Amino acid sequence: MDRLTLFGLFAVSAMLVTYTLEKRSHWFILAFGGSCVLGSAYGFLQGAWPFGLVEGVWSIIAIRRWWEARTESK
């Protein structure tokens, strides 16, 4: 397993874990957005630009959801 594959495995695993924990805290929503950024980077680095593009969109959606959840909890 090369470093790029390990990076992708980490990114996707982080997405799974943080998505599962989103209801516990708005910080997990932000962490999910960050892991989507990592997944997007992985997609572009491996040459699968459609995957990278979709993950980039998911990261924007997650960060918007975090912003809304953050302002609701104040």
PDB file of N, CA and C in Angstrom:
ATOM      1  N   MET A   1       0.843  -1.165   0.000  1.00  0.00           N
ATOM      2  CA  MET A   1       0.000   0.000   0.000  1.00  0.00           C
ATOM      3  C   MET A   1       0.898   1.241   0.000  1.00  0.00           C
ATOM      4  N   ASP A   2       0.688   2.105  -0.972  1.00  0.00           N
ATOM      5  CA  ASP A   2       1.511   3.314  -1.048  1.00  0.00           C
ATOM      6  C   ASP A   2       0.932   4.434  -0.181  1.00  0.00           C
ATOM      7  N   ARG A   3       1.665   5.542  -0.077  1.00  0.00           N
ATOM      8  CA  ARG A   3       1.252   6.645   0.796  1.00  0.00           C
ATOM      9  C   ARG A   3      -0.042   7.298   0.336  1.00  0.00           C
ATOM     10  N   LEU A   4      -0.248   7.400  -0.957  1.00  0.00           N
ATOM     11  CA  LEU A   4      -1.469   8.006  -1.469  1.00  0.00           C
ATOM     12  C   LEU A   4      -2.696   7.170  -1.077  1.00  0.00           C
ATOM     13  N   THR A   5      -2.577   5.866  -1.180  1.00  0.00           N
ATOM     14  CA  THR A   5      -3.677   4.986  -0.784  1.00  0.00           C
ATOM     15  C   THR A   5      -3.946   5.087   0.709  1.00  0.00           C
ATOM     16  N   LEU A   6      -2.899   5.153   1.513  1.00  0.00           N
ATOM     17  CA  LEU A   6      -3.074   5.313   2.959  1.00  0.00           C
ATOM     18  C   LEU A   6      -3.748   6.649   3.280  1.00  0.00           C
ATOM     19  N   PHE A   7      -3.358   7.698   2.568  1.00  0.00           N
ATOM     20  CA  PHE A   7      -3.986   9.001   2.746  1.00  0.00           C
ATOM     21  C   PHE A   7      -5.476   8.922   2.421  1.00  0.00           C
ATOM     22  N   GLY A   8      -5.822   8.274   1.324  1.00  0.00           N
ATOM     23  CA  GLY A   8      -7.226   8.116   0.937  1.00  0.00           C
ATOM     24  C   GLY A   8      -8.005   7.297   1.949  1.00  0.00           C
ATOM     25  N   LEU A   9      -7.389   6.242   2.462  1.00  0.00           N
ATOM     26  CA  LEU A   9      -8.036   5.417   3.485  1.00  0.00           C
ATOM     27  C   LEU A   9      -8.293   6.244   4.742  1.00  0.00           C
ATOM     28  N   PHE A  10      -7.315   7.059   5.136  1.00  0.00           N
ATOM     29  CA  PHE A  10      -7.494   7.924   6.300  1.00  0.00           C
ATOM     30  C   PHE A  10      -8.625   8.921   6.067  1.00  0.00           C
ATOM     31  N   ALA A  11      -8.639   9.561   4.900  1.00  0.00           N
ATOM     32  CA  ALA A  11      -9.649  10.585   4.597  1.00  0.00           C
ATOM     33  C   ALA A  11     -11.056   9.996   4.621  1.00  0.00           C
ATOM     34  N   VAL A  12     -11.239   8.875   3.974  1.00  0.00           N
ATOM     35  CA  VAL A  12     -12.565   8.258   3.909  1.00  0.00           C
ATOM     36  C   VAL A  12     -12.978   7.709   5.275  1.00  0.00           C
ATOM     37  N   SER A  13     -12.046   7.159   6.023  1.00  0.00           N
ATOM     38  CA  SER A  13     -12.359   6.678   7.375  1.00  0.00           C
ATOM     39  C   SER A  13     -12.749   7.834   8.286  1.00  0.00           C
ATOM     40  N   ALA A  14     -12.039   8.952   8.178  1.00  0.00           N
ATOM     41  CA  ALA A  14     -12.379  10.133   8.969  1.00  0.00           C
ATOM     42  C   ALA A  14     -13.762  10.659   8.591  1.00  0.00           C
ATOM     43  N   MET A  15     -14.085  10.617   7.309  1.00  0.00           N
ATOM     44  CA  MET A  15     -15.417  11.034   6.882  1.00  0.00           C
ATOM     45  C   MET A  15     -16.488  10.161   7.520  1.00  0.00           C
ATOM     46  N   LEU A  16     -16.281   8.866   7.525  1.00  0.00           N
ATOM     47  CA  LEU A  16     -17.251   7.930   8.090  1.00  0.00           C
ATOM     48  C   LEU A  16     -17.448   8.168   9.589  1.00  0.00           C
ATOM     49  N   VAL A  17     -16.346   8.290  10.316  1.00  0.00           N
ATOM     50  CA  VAL A  17     -16.425   8.467  11.772  1.00  0.00           C
ATOM     51  C   VAL A  17     -17.079   9.793  12.130  1.00  0.00           C
ATOM     52  N   THR A  18     -16.646  10.873  11.489  1.00  0.00           N
ATOM     53  CA  THR A  18     -17.190  12.185  11.843  1.00  0.00           C
ATOM     54  C   THR A  18     -18.646  12.320  11.406  1.00  0.00           C
ATOM     55  N   TYR A  19     -19.019  11.702  10.307  1.00  0.00           N
ATOM     56  CA  TYR A  19     -20.418  11.732   9.885  1.00  0.00           C
ATOM     57  C   TYR A  19     -21.293  11.010  10.906  1.00  0.00           C
ATOM     58  N   THR A  20     -20.803   9.906  11.412  1.00  0.00           N
ATOM     59  CA  THR A  20     -21.551   9.138  12.405  1.00  0.00           C
ATOM     60  C   THR A  20     -21.753   9.934  13.693  1.00  0.00           C
ATOM     61  N   LEU A  21     -20.789  10.765  14.055  1.00  0.00           N
ATOM     62  CA  LEU A  21     -20.831  11.505  15.310  1.00  0.00           C
ATOM     63  C   LEU A  21     -21.412  12.913  15.189  1.00  0.00           C
ATOM     64  N   GLU A  22     -21.899  13.291  14.017  1.00  0.00           N
ATOM     65  CA  GLU A  22     -22.373  14.659  13.799  1.00  0.00           C
ATOM     66  C   GLU A  22     -23.442  15.120  14.781  1.00  0.00           C
ATOM     67  N   LYS A  23     -24.325  14.240  15.229  1.00  0.00           N
ATOM     68  CA  LYS A  23     -25.421  14.646  16.114  1.00  0.00           C
ATOM     69  C   LYS A  23     -24.942  14.955  17.534  1.00  0.00           C
ATOM     70  N   ARG A  24     -23.739  14.563  17.866  1.00  0.00           N
ATOM     71  CA  ARG A  24     -23.210  14.801  19.211  1.00  0.00           C
ATOM     72  C   ARG A  24     -22.735  16.233  19.422  1.00  0.00           C
ATOM     73  N   SER A  25     -22.204  16.851  18.378  1.00  0.00           N
ATOM     74  CA  SER A  25     -21.676  18.200  18.503  1.00  0.00           C
ATOM     75  C   SER A  25     -21.516  18.818  17.122  1.00  0.00           C
ATOM     76  N   HIS A  26     -21.685  20.140  17.070  1.00  0.00           N
ATOM     77  CA  HIS A  26     -21.502  20.813  15.784  1.00  0.00           C
ATOM     78  C   HIS A  26     -20.039  20.761  15.337  1.00  0.00           C
ATOM     79  N   TRP A  27     -19.137  20.482  16.265  1.00  0.00           N
ATOM     80  CA  TRP A  27     -17.718  20.364  15.894  1.00  0.00           C
ATOM     81  C   TRP A  27     -17.461  19.137  15.017  1.00  0.00           C
ATOM     82  N   PHE A  28     -18.261  18.100  15.173  1.00  0.00           N
ATOM     83  CA  PHE A  28     -18.112  16.933  14.307  1.00  0.00           C
ATOM     84  C   PHE A  28     -18.572  17.251  12.882  1.00  0.00           C
ATOM     85  N   ILE A  29     -19.507  18.184  12.738  1.00  0.00           N
ATOM     86  CA  ILE A  29     -19.915  18.618  11.393  1.00  0.00           C
ATOM     87  C   ILE A  29     -18.737  19.310  10.715  1.00  0.00           C
ATOM     88  N   LEU A  30     -18.048  20.169  11.474  1.00  0.00           N
ATOM     89  CA  LEU A  30     -16.863  20.844  10.920  1.00  0.00           C
ATOM     90  C   LEU A  30     -15.772  19.827  10.591  1.00  0.00           C
ATOM     91  N   ALA A  31     -15.582  18.847  11.461  1.00  0.00           N
ATOM     92  CA  ALA A  31     -14.580  17.807  11.199  1.00  0.00           C
ATOM     93  C   ALA A  31     -14.948  16.997   9.955  1.00  0.00           C
ATOM     94  N   PHE A  32     -16.235  16.757   9.761  1.00  0.00           N
ATOM     95  CA  PHE A  32     -16.676  16.071   8.546  1.00  0.00           C
ATOM     96  C   PHE A  32     -16.334  16.899   7.315  1.00  0.00           C
ATOM     97  N   GLY A  33     -16.571  18.212   7.401  1.00  0.00           N
ATOM     98  CA  GLY A  33     -16.208  19.093   6.286  1.00  0.00           C
ATOM     99  C   GLY A  33     -14.722  19.052   5.993  1.00  0.00           C
ATOM    100  N   GLY A  34     -13.912  19.046   7.054  1.00  0.00           N
ATOM    101  CA  GLY A  34     -12.461  18.953   6.872  1.00  0.00           C
ATOM    102  C   GLY A  34     -12.038  17.635   6.260  1.00  0.00           C
ATOM    103  N   SER A  35     -12.685  16.557   6.687  1.00  0.00           N
ATOM    104  CA  SER A  35     -12.333  15.257   6.103  1.00  0.00           C
ATOM    105  C   SER A  35     -12.800  15.162   4.654  1.00  0.00           C
ATOM    106  N   CYS A  36     -13.866  15.873   4.304  1.00  0.00           N
ATOM    107  CA  CYS A  36     -14.284  15.935   2.898  1.00  0.00           C
ATOM    108  C   CYS A  36     -13.240  16.674   2.061  1.00  0.00           C
ATOM    109  N   VAL A  37     -12.627  17.709   2.638  1.00  0.00           N
ATOM    110  CA  VAL A  37     -11.543  18.410   1.939  1.00  0.00           C
ATOM    111  C   VAL A  37     -10.394  17.436   1.682  1.00  0.00           C
ATOM    112  N   LEU A  38     -10.063  16.624   2.683  1.00  0.00           N
ATOM    113  CA  LEU A  38      -9.007  15.617   2.503  1.00  0.00           C
ATOM    114  C   LEU A  38      -9.399  14.606   1.422  1.00  0.00           C
ATOM    115  N   GLY A  39     -10.668  14.189   1.435  1.00  0.00           N
ATOM    116  CA  GLY A  39     -11.145  13.264   0.405  1.00  0.00           C
ATOM    117  C   GLY A  39     -11.083  13.883  -0.973  1.00  0.00           C
ATOM    118  N   SER A  40     -11.393  15.160  -1.060  1.00  0.00           N
ATOM    119  CA  SER A  40     -11.310  15.864  -2.335  1.00  0.00           C
ATOM    120  C   SER A  40      -9.863  15.912  -2.833  1.00  0.00           C
ATOM    121  N   ALA A  41      -8.957  16.251  -1.928  1.00  0.00           N
ATOM    122  CA  ALA A  41      -7.537  16.278  -2.304  1.00  0.00           C
ATOM    123  C   ALA A  41      -7.084  14.905  -2.791  1.00  0.00           C
ATOM    124  N   TYR A  42      -7.510  13.866  -2.095  1.00  0.00           N
ATOM    125  CA  TYR A  42      -7.163  12.501  -2.507  1.00  0.00           C
ATOM    126  C   TYR A  42      -7.691  12.215  -3.920  1.00  0.00           C
ATOM    127  N   GLY A  43      -8.941  12.583  -4.176  1.00  0.00           N
ATOM    128  CA  GLY A  43      -9.522  12.336  -5.495  1.00  0.00           C
ATOM    129  C   GLY A  43      -8.730  13.016  -6.604  1.00  0.00           C
ATOM    130  N   PHE A  44      -8.371  14.274  -6.382  1.00  0.00           N
ATOM    131  CA  PHE A  44      -7.602  14.990  -7.404  1.00  0.00           C
ATOM    132  C   PHE A  44      -6.191  14.415  -7.539  1.00  0.00           C
ATOM    133  N   LEU A  45      -5.570  14.051  -6.417  1.00  0.00           N
ATOM    134  CA  LEU A  45      -4.207  13.505  -6.477  1.00  0.00           C
ATOM    135  C   LEU A  45      -4.136  12.169  -7.197  1.00  0.00           C
ATOM    136  N   GLN A  46      -5.173  11.367  -7.069  1.00  0.00           N
ATOM    137  CA  GLN A  46      -5.146  10.070  -7.743  1.00  0.00           C
ATOM    138  C   GLN A  46      -5.650  10.134  -9.181  1.00  0.00           C
ATOM    139  N   GLY A  47      -6.133  11.309  -9.574  1.00  0.00           N
ATOM    140  CA  GLY A  47      -6.576  11.489 -10.953  1.00  0.00           C
ATOM    141  C   GLY A  47      -8.055  11.259 -11.162  1.00  0.00           C
ATOM    142  N   ALA A  48      -8.805  11.058 -10.089  1.00  0.00           N
ATOM    143  CA  ALA A  48     -10.255  10.859 -10.200  1.00  0.00           C
ATOM    144  C   ALA A  48     -10.938  12.194  -9.914  1.00  0.00           C
ATOM    145  N   TRP A  49     -10.851  13.123 -10.871  1.00  0.00           N
ATOM    146  CA  TRP A  49     -11.348  14.476 -10.639  1.00  0.00           C
ATOM    147  C   TRP A  49     -12.839  14.544 -10.335  1.00  0.00           C
ATOM    148  N   PRO A  50     -13.697  13.639 -10.894  1.00  0.00           N
ATOM    149  CA  PRO A  50     -15.113  13.719 -10.496  1.00  0.00           C
ATOM    150  C   PRO A  50     -15.308  13.461  -8.992  1.00  0.00           C
ATOM    151  N   PHE A  51     -14.574  12.511  -8.455  1.00  0.00           N
ATOM    152  CA  PHE A  51     -14.626  12.235  -7.015  1.00  0.00           C
ATOM    153  C   PHE A  51     -14.132  13.445  -6.231  1.00  0.00           C
ATOM    154  N   GLY A  52     -13.034  14.025  -6.674  1.00  0.00           N
ATOM    155  CA  GLY A  52     -12.499  15.208  -6.011  1.00  0.00           C
ATOM    156  C   GLY A  52     -13.462  16.368  -6.045  1.00  0.00           C
ATOM    157  N   LEU A  53     -14.144  16.540  -7.155  1.00  0.00           N
ATOM    158  CA  LEU A  53     -15.112  17.616  -7.296  1.00  0.00           C
ATOM    159  C   LEU A  53     -16.312  17.414  -6.371  1.00  0.00           C
ATOM    160  N   VAL A  54     -16.849  16.211  -6.350  1.00  0.00           N
ATOM    161  CA  VAL A  54     -18.007  15.919  -5.497  1.00  0.00           C
ATOM    162  C   VAL A  54     -17.640  16.076  -4.022  1.00  0.00           C
ATOM    163  N   GLU A  55     -16.486  15.605  -3.631  1.00  0.00           N
ATOM    164  CA  GLU A  55     -16.061  15.763  -2.240  1.00  0.00           C
ATOM    165  C   GLU A  55     -15.856  17.231  -1.886  1.00  0.00           C
ATOM    166  N   GLY A  56     -15.394  18.025  -2.842  1.00  0.00           N
ATOM    167  CA  GLY A  56     -15.261  19.460  -2.611  1.00  0.00           C
ATOM    168  C   GLY A  56     -16.609  20.115  -2.361  1.00  0.00           C
ATOM    169  N   VAL A  57     -17.609  19.712  -3.125  1.00  0.00           N
ATOM    170  CA  VAL A  57     -18.962  20.233  -2.918  1.00  0.00           C
ATOM    171  C   VAL A  57     -19.491  19.801  -1.551  1.00  0.00           C
ATOM    172  N   TRP A  58     -19.255  18.540  -1.191  1.00  0.00           N
ATOM    173  CA  TRP A  58     -19.698  18.065   0.134  1.00  0.00           C
ATOM    174  C   TRP A  58     -19.036  18.863   1.249  1.00  0.00           C
ATOM    175  N   SER A  59     -17.784  19.229   1.065  1.00  0.00           N
ATOM    176  CA  SER A  59     -17.110  20.006   2.112  1.00  0.00           C
ATOM    177  C   SER A  59     -17.762  21.378   2.270  1.00  0.00           C
ATOM    178  N   ILE A  60     -18.149  22.011   1.175  1.00  0.00           N
ATOM    179  CA  ILE A  60     -18.828  23.308   1.250  1.00  0.00           C
ATOM    180  C   ILE A  60     -20.175  23.160   1.957  1.00  0.00           C
ATOM    181  N   ILE A  61     -20.921  22.112   1.614  1.00  0.00           N
ATOM    182  CA  ILE A  61     -22.211  21.867   2.255  1.00  0.00           C
ATOM    183  C   ILE A  61     -22.028  21.637   3.757  1.00  0.00           C
ATOM    184  N   ALA A  62     -21.028  20.830   4.121  1.00  0.00           N
ATOM    185  CA  ALA A  62     -20.800  20.532   5.538  1.00  0.00           C
ATOM    186  C   ALA A  62     -20.387  21.778   6.309  1.00  0.00           C
ATOM    187  N   ILE A  63     -19.554  22.610   5.740  1.00  0.00           N
ATOM    188  CA  ILE A  63     -19.127  23.824   6.434  1.00  0.00           C
ATOM    189  C   ILE A  63     -20.306  24.791   6.579  1.00  0.00           C
ATOM    190  N   ARG A  64     -21.164  24.842   5.601  1.00  0.00           N
ATOM    191  CA  ARG A  64     -22.383  25.668   5.725  1.00  0.00           C
ATOM    192  C   ARG A  64     -23.281  25.118   6.820  1.00  0.00           C
ATOM    193  N   ARG A  65     -23.436  23.799   6.882  1.00  0.00           N
ATOM    194  CA  ARG A  65     -24.248  23.185   7.943  1.00  0.00           C
ATOM    195  C   ARG A  65     -23.636  23.453   9.310  1.00  0.00           C
ATOM    196  N   TRP A  66     -22.298  23.416   9.403  1.00  0.00           N
ATOM    197  CA  TRP A  66     -21.635  23.725  10.675  1.00  0.00           C
ATOM    198  C   TRP A  66     -21.912  25.164  11.082  1.00  0.00           C
ATOM    199  N   TRP A  67     -21.819  26.089  10.137  1.00  0.00           N
ATOM    200  CA  TRP A  67     -22.055  27.498  10.438  1.00  0.00           C
ATOM    201  C   TRP A  67     -23.469  27.699  10.986  1.00  0.00           C
ATOM    202  N   GLU A  68     -24.438  27.051  10.350  1.00  0.00           N
ATOM    203  CA  GLU A  68     -25.824  27.161  10.806  1.00  0.00           C
ATOM    204  C   GLU A  68     -26.008  26.517  12.177  1.00  0.00           C
ATOM    205  N   ALA A  69     -25.421  25.357  12.399  1.00  0.00           N
ATOM    206  CA  ALA A  69     -25.539  24.679  13.690  1.00  0.00           C
ATOM    207  C   ALA A  69     -24.832  25.475  14.780  1.00  0.00           C
ATOM    208  N   ARG A  70     -23.741  26.112  14.457  1.00  0.00           N
ATOM    209  CA  ARG A  70     -22.993  26.911  15.416  1.00  0.00           C
ATOM    210  C   ARG A  70     -23.791  28.110  15.866  1.00  0.00           C
ATOM    211  N   THR A  71     -24.446  28.775  14.912  1.00  0.00           N
ATOM    212  CA  THR A  71     -25.218  29.958  15.279  1.00  0.00           C
ATOM    213  C   THR A  71     -26.496  29.573  16.017  1.00  0.00           C
ATOM    214  N   GLU A  72     -27.041  28.393  15.767  1.00  0.00           N
ATOM    215  CA  GLU A  72     -28.237  27.929  16.485  1.00  0.00           C
ATOM    216  C   GLU A  72     -27.926  27.592  17.945  1.00  0.00           C
ATOM    217  N   SER A  73     -26.710  27.141  18.211  1.00  0.00           N
ATOM    218  CA  SER A  73     -26.365  26.734  19.573  1.00  0.00           C
ATOM    219  C   SER A  73     -25.987  27.904  20.467  1.00  0.00           C
ATOM    220  N   LYS A  74     -25.904  29.103  19.915  1.00  0.00           N
ATOM    221  CA  LYS A  74     -25.558  30.296  20.722  1.00  0.00           C
ATOM    222  C   LYS A  74     -26.741  30.836  21.452  1.00  0.00           C
TER     223      LYS A  74
END
